[in-house]
């Protein structure tokens, strides 16, 4: 929770000026790469952790916060560089709200993406969110299993998904 709170604090304190759409695109791509690297680093930490289940929850919270804040910052920068990309001007809080609305799939009623770039970014976030929830959850579960097996707290044939009967 401290990592997530720290990331939110950095998001609000970080000066985002949105002067260049090319630089913003590169920043998003680099940010997504950072999310992947942090996630894989966390997976390795889960396997070697004395408390893999707790470490997996921590990893998911940190990765999810980083992913969501990356998109919130990108939406904010898009609105700064291309006003009118959304149905209303976005502050940092509005951008975070739009990001969470998209991630949780509760729908849109107040803020919507209007520009093609805004819609493409929203679709990228949707696909990334699905992957984060589906694929990442499975990878984290596998890492917890490996960590428990490494500690001898889970015999190799006790995991239901691995049984051959």
Protein backbone atom coordinates (compact mmCIF):
# COMPACT_ATOMS: atom_id res chain seq x y z
CA UNK A 1 0.00 0.00 0.00
CA UNK A 2 2.92 2.32 0.69
CA UNK A 3 4.26 1.78 -2.82
CA UNK A 4 0.86 2.56 -4.35
CA UNK A 5 0.46 5.65 -2.16
CA UNK A 6 3.97 6.77 -3.10
CA UNK A 7 3.22 6.33 -6.80
CA UNK A 8 0.01 8.39 -6.49
CA UNK A 9 1.96 11.11 -4.70
CA UNK A 10 4.58 11.16 -7.46
CA UNK A 11 1.80 11.36 -10.05
CA UNK A 12 0.35 14.49 -8.46
CA UNK A 13 3.71 16.14 -7.77
CA UNK A 14 5.35 15.35 -11.11
CA UNK A 15 5.25 18.35 -13.45
CA UNK A 16 3.56 17.14 -16.64
CA UNK A 17 3.68 19.82 -19.32
CA UNK A 18 2.60 17.98 -22.47
CA UNK A 19 4.64 19.94 -24.99
CA UNK A 20 5.35 17.14 -27.48
CA UNK A 21 3.07 14.32 -28.59
CA UNK A 22 6.03 12.35 -29.97
CA UNK A 23 7.85 12.57 -26.66
CA UNK A 24 4.64 11.62 -24.86
CA UNK A 25 4.24 8.53 -27.08
CA UNK A 26 7.82 7.49 -26.37
CA UNK A 27 7.23 8.08 -22.67
CA UNK A 28 4.12 5.85 -22.75
CA UNK A 29 5.98 3.08 -24.58
CA UNK A 30 8.91 3.35 -22.15
CA UNK A 31 6.48 3.41 -19.22
CA UNK A 32 4.78 0.23 -20.41
CA UNK A 33 8.20 -1.40 -20.69
CA UNK A 34 8.92 -0.30 -17.11
CA UNK A 35 5.62 -1.87 -15.98
CA UNK A 36 6.66 -5.17 -17.60
CA UNK A 37 10.16 -5.04 -16.08
CA UNK A 38 8.80 -4.21 -12.61
CA UNK A 39 6.28 -7.03 -12.94
CA UNK A 40 8.94 -9.62 -13.87
CA UNK A 41 11.21 -8.36 -11.09
CA UNK A 42 8.30 -8.82 -8.67
CA UNK A 43 7.67 -12.36 -9.98
CA UNK A 44 11.30 -13.28 -9.24
CA UNK A 45 10.96 -11.74 -5.77
CA UNK A 46 7.82 -13.81 -5.08
CA UNK A 47 9.60 -17.08 -5.86
CA UNK A 48 12.41 -16.32 -3.39
CA UNK A 49 10.29 -14.62 -0.73
CA UNK A 50 9.70 -16.30 2.64
CA UNK A 51 6.07 -15.13 2.30
CA UNK A 52 5.19 -15.58 -1.39
CA UNK A 53 1.44 -14.99 -1.00
CA UNK A 54 1.97 -11.65 0.71
CA UNK A 55 4.64 -10.70 -1.82
CA UNK A 56 2.22 -11.52 -4.67
CA UNK A 57 -0.40 -9.16 -3.25
CA UNK A 58 2.26 -6.48 -2.91
CA UNK A 59 3.44 -7.10 -6.46
CA UNK A 60 -0.06 -6.86 -7.89
CA UNK A 61 -0.78 -3.63 -6.00
CA UNK A 62 2.46 -2.02 -7.17
CA UNK A 63 2.14 -3.17 -10.79
CA UNK A 64 -1.52 -2.19 -11.00
CA UNK A 65 -0.87 1.26 -9.50
CA UNK A 66 2.03 1.85 -11.88
CA UNK A 67 -0.05 0.74 -14.90
CA UNK A 68 -3.04 2.93 -13.99
CA UNK A 69 -0.98 6.01 -13.15
CA UNK A 70 0.96 5.65 -16.40
CA UNK A 71 -2.29 5.85 -18.36
CA UNK A 72 -3.67 8.66 -16.20
CA UNK A 73 -0.54 10.69 -16.93
CA UNK A 74 -0.78 9.89 -20.63
CA UNK A 75 -4.42 11.00 -20.80
CA UNK A 76 -3.53 14.20 -18.96
CA UNK A 77 -0.66 14.90 -21.39
CA UNK A 78 -2.87 14.14 -24.40
CA UNK A 79 -5.44 16.68 -23.24
CA UNK A 80 -2.64 19.24 -22.72
CA UNK A 81 -1.15 18.74 -26.20
CA UNK A 82 -4.43 18.21 -28.05
CA UNK A 83 -7.27 20.04 -26.27
CA UNK A 84 -10.66 18.55 -27.03
CA UNK A 85 -9.42 14.95 -27.04
CA UNK A 86 -11.93 14.25 -24.30
CA UNK A 87 -15.48 15.45 -23.70
CA UNK A 88 -14.18 17.89 -21.11
CA UNK A 89 -10.79 19.31 -20.12
CA UNK A 90 -8.90 16.90 -17.86
CA UNK A 91 -7.10 17.73 -14.65
CA UNK A 92 -4.83 15.11 -13.12
CA UNK A 93 -7.71 13.93 -10.95
CA UNK A 94 -10.05 13.77 -13.96
CA UNK A 95 -7.42 11.76 -15.84
CA UNK A 96 -7.07 9.31 -12.98
CA UNK A 97 -10.86 9.07 -12.72
CA UNK A 98 -11.15 8.32 -16.46
CA UNK A 99 -8.40 5.70 -16.16
CA UNK A 100 -10.13 3.94 -13.27
CA UNK A 101 -13.49 4.14 -15.06
CA UNK A 102 -11.93 2.46 -18.08
CA UNK A 103 -10.11 -0.17 -16.05
CA UNK A 104 -13.13 -1.15 -13.97
CA UNK A 105 -15.39 -1.14 -17.04
CA UNK A 106 -18.15 0.74 -15.24
CA UNK A 107 -18.84 2.72 -18.39
CA UNK A 108 -18.78 6.31 -19.43
CA UNK A 109 -21.33 8.94 -18.71
CA UNK A 110 -19.35 12.04 -18.05
CA UNK A 111 -15.85 11.85 -19.57
CA UNK A 112 -15.34 10.17 -22.94
CA UNK A 113 -12.50 10.02 -25.44
CA UNK A 114 -13.36 12.12 -28.51
CA UNK A 115 -10.20 12.12 -30.59
CA UNK A 116 -8.86 9.10 -32.45
CA UNK A 117 -5.68 9.24 -30.38
CA UNK A 118 -7.71 9.30 -27.17
CA UNK A 119 -9.75 6.33 -28.31
CA UNK A 120 -6.67 4.36 -29.37
CA UNK A 121 -5.01 5.02 -26.00
CA UNK A 122 -8.20 3.95 -24.23
CA UNK A 123 -8.28 0.71 -26.23
CA UNK A 124 -4.62 0.05 -25.41
CA UNK A 125 -5.45 0.54 -21.74
CA UNK A 126 -8.44 -1.81 -22.02
CA UNK A 127 -6.36 -4.60 -23.59
CA UNK A 128 -3.52 -3.98 -21.13
CA UNK A 129 -5.94 -4.10 -18.22
CA UNK A 130 -7.38 -7.39 -19.38
CA UNK A 131 -3.89 -8.80 -19.75
CA UNK A 132 -2.87 -7.48 -16.34
CA UNK A 133 -5.87 -9.08 -14.67
CA UNK A 134 -5.85 -12.36 -16.59
CA UNK A 135 -2.31 -13.20 -17.56
CA UNK A 136 -0.59 -11.45 -14.67
CA UNK A 137 -2.85 -13.12 -12.11
CA UNK A 138 -1.94 -16.53 -13.53
CA UNK A 139 1.76 -15.72 -13.58
CA UNK A 140 1.62 -14.47 -9.98
CA UNK A 141 -0.23 -17.63 -8.89
CA UNK A 142 2.48 -19.71 -10.54
CA UNK A 143 5.19 -17.71 -8.79
CA UNK A 144 3.48 -18.23 -5.42
CA UNK A 145 3.26 -21.96 -6.14
CA UNK A 146 6.96 -22.06 -7.06
CA UNK A 147 7.89 -20.12 -3.93
CA UNK A 148 5.90 -22.44 -1.67
CA UNK A 149 7.33 -25.52 -3.41
CA UNK A 150 10.86 -24.13 -3.03
CA UNK A 151 10.25 -23.78 0.71
CA UNK A 152 8.89 -27.31 0.92
CA UNK A 153 5.47 -26.05 2.01
CA UNK A 154 3.80 -27.37 -1.16
CA UNK A 155 4.76 -30.77 -2.58
CA UNK A 156 5.07 -30.75 -6.35
CA UNK A 157 2.00 -33.00 -6.82
CA UNK A 158 -0.37 -31.16 -4.41
CA UNK A 159 -1.27 -28.24 -6.67
CA UNK A 160 -4.70 -29.03 -8.25
CA UNK A 161 -3.88 -27.49 -11.62
CA UNK A 162 -0.88 -29.82 -11.95
CA UNK A 163 -2.56 -33.12 -11.01
CA UNK A 164 -2.70 -35.76 -13.71
CA UNK A 165 -5.68 -37.77 -12.43
